[in-house]
Amino acid sequence: MEVMSSESVRFRFGFIAVLLVLSGLAIIDPVEPSLSTSLMFEDEAVQRVENERANLHYSDLVVRITHDDGAQLSSNLTRVQELISIENDLLNDPSSDFAWKSSEVWIVNLYSPYSSWSDAFNDSGRNLENATRWGEILQPEIEGGWCSENSTNNEMQAFQDSLMLLPSDSRVNVACPSLPGSSVILPPESNEILWVIHLESHTQPTDWAPLFEWAENASESSDYQFSTAGVNLLFGIAKDTAEKDLTAVMLPAFILLLVLLWFGLRDIVIASATLAGVGVVMLSTVSLLTLAGHQFSIIDGIALPIVMGVAVDGAFWYCRSSRTRDEVRKMLFVAMMTTIAAVMLAIISPILVQKSLGLVMATGILLSWAVSRFILEDLFLSRRDTTHEDRLDLPIRIPESIEQNSWSAMLVFFAILVLVSPGGVAIMNVESFLPENTPELEEIEDLESRYILASSTTMYVTIDVDGDDSDKFQDVLDFQKRISLHPSAISLDTGMIRQPLVTGIPLNLNSSFDTIDSRFNEAIEADEATDQRLIRGGETKGVAIQIQIDSRDSNGALAFGEDTRELMNAYNLTGEIGGDLLTGAKVAKTFEESRIVQILLAGVMVLIVSSMVLKSFPKGLRIAVGAVAVGAAVDAMAGYMTGRGMETAPAVLLGMGFAADYLSHASADHPPTRRDNSARWLAGMTSLSGFVLVGFAAFPPARNMGQLLTASILLSVILATSLSFKNSTEVSKGPSSRFPRINEEE
């Protein structure tokens, strides 16, 4: 064994000290991962709205309200008044049983149908809160109800809220008597309603716990049931699911790794040291990226058990194989470089969670190689079995037909698997992060089937326009009117009037103002509009237009985006178009169109790196071909096993990295031995054990990725074994086929 120089010793201890400090930081100040649409993909329109909108962009959640007896709510005047009172207590009375208790999170706005009804009745001199029966406020009749051409702004808002915040099968009656089955002399009828609550907090993302607590307390203190629902709630549930999975997987994964390491190496010291190194690598990875400013999402936690599986390779190749120190060093370096080369494509992905996951995996893989190479190498070699056993050290002898044809047969099998695999990519949304049997997901689906509000999603169009530009103002106004007529835009249509669910420049003003600033200033002063201006440096530089579309129609969202861009070009307008559904659909479409190209590009990167490091183009080409074959096969299996989603690309790229790893091991300049074969399979099975555990997770991205990585490890090890058989024949023909002794050091 070579003697380390003093410089090497100092470097080793310095490296150990750095890793221990980083690990300590991760333990003392653990990261708080989050999950939201802003961490899923980049949406320039939404980002601009959040950063520049004059009114802050708040987080919102839906509260579903029913009576304990499940009977009529809206047609019962007493219940309507009680809920108005609860709403007022929540917003204005800190001493009430229904008061808001949190000082860290506060309510900015609360939209309810009953408060808008009160405003509508007030416009005709009627008082909903003090009435003793409906007849007092419904007589004399309100001509045309709240949806006629002569309705006031408050009445139109009450009509809109009645359609949006009451179930779609409700009779709206006075809200719009022109609708079938409705009467102007009757109140709206429904046995449940929705509130929409906008929250703000000092920190992002908003903590929804105070609202959950309020809803629970309000349900206990009244005759009503208040239940929370909405996308933000689902993200919180998905985050909790992922955290529970990570906690449940990590300890069993460590124990299983320890058992398999001991079983494979027959050395508890090596097994313990390897596992300690794995723990340090994971903690150091988290600290290093945190110090670099990386914002962790809960999905990044999937990378930790993956890094655990990758980090054990060195122990088996140093301790179990028949390779010399320098050969193992070269093999592990090539494996590390090719794996990172493949994973690098995830880092440049337009999907933020893929980029983040790829960065965590690449950092962990690099650190695990460094720990094996610079810290544990001498320990591994010092406890290596150096007894000479001819049976284990001799080249493996197998039938010539298998040596010649196994590699080609495996490639043909992978090709067939790819050719018959189904296509398609799932659109990335919050539902893809939740188990199918999640009760809250079922409630959202019920809401979507019953409420217009719940079945819609917001599209954002930001338009570049100066606040004092009168020339461009009319173009923007005409654009907004035309986009409101798009078939994908949801409208409240009574047969007499059509009210598109579009928010932008105020249109219901009899105004002669012809600039963005003057029109909004007038509307805001009259309390008739939300400020949609985009402010930069204290000046209006744009306007945001929000359009509600069907949340279940991804093709409609794509068509809407394309038509909107064409219309903007027709008016010579510039800006961004976005929204969760549109961006998710575009990302899925892009992934579907580019997934094969991505696999080929990863293969090219593997080819370049492996050829340069091995200084052999034929070897590099063979490794790249095998990596592409495994990547394509894993992508094909995703179509069968899990469906292609946001986790598929990282799994495919990491699978290609595994393939390059094991194929580089199999590309040595001497025939494989039983020791080499056992090192390969023991390393593969130990890595696989962690992925199998992850494959049982409840969090869908983790479960799907665990299953795909399990398949990729098996395919990679089998393909590498077939390559070693082929290599056995080729190497034996040349003078370099001399087999080195186990303890030989170059």
Foldseek 3Di string as FASTA:
>chain_A
DDDDDPVLVVVLVVVVVLLVVLLVCCVVPPADAADDLVLWFDAPQVVLLCVFFPDHDFDKWKKKKFFLVLDKQFQDLVNLLVVVVLVCCCQPNCVDLLHQDDPFKDWDDKDWLSVLVQVQLVVVPDGSNPDPHLQRSCPPPDVQALPDPPHDLSLVVSLVQCQFFAWVPKAQASSGQLFPPHHRSGHIIGRMTMMMITMDGPDPPDDCVSVQVSQVSVVVVDRMHIDIADQVVLSVVLLVQLVVLLVVQPVVLLVLLLVLCCVLQVDNVLSVVLSVLLSSLLSSLSSVVVVVVDRHHSLLSLLSLLLSLLLCLLLQCLAQFLDFPVVSLLLLVLLLQLLLLLLVLLLPASTSSSNSNSSSNNSSSVSSSCCSPSPCNVVSNVPHPQDDDCQFQDFDDDDPCLLVPVLVVLLVVLVVLLVPFDAFADQDDSVLFAFPPDVSVVVLVVCLVTGPNSQKFKKKWKWFDWQPDLVLQVLVVVLQVVLLPDPQFDWDDSPNDIGTPKAWQDDPDPDPDRGNVVSVVVCVVVVNHDRQFGDDPNTGGIGMMMTIGGLVCLVSLCVSVVVSVVSCVVSVIDTGIDTSSPVSSVSRVVCSVCVLVSLLSSLVSQQVSSCVSVVHNVLSNSLSSQLSSLLSSLLSVCSVPPHHYPLSSSLSSSLSSLLSSLLSLLQDLAQGGNSSLSSLVSSLVSSLVSLVSQLPRRGNSSVSSSVSNNSSSVSSSSSSVSSSSNSNVVNVVDPSHDRDRSHDHD
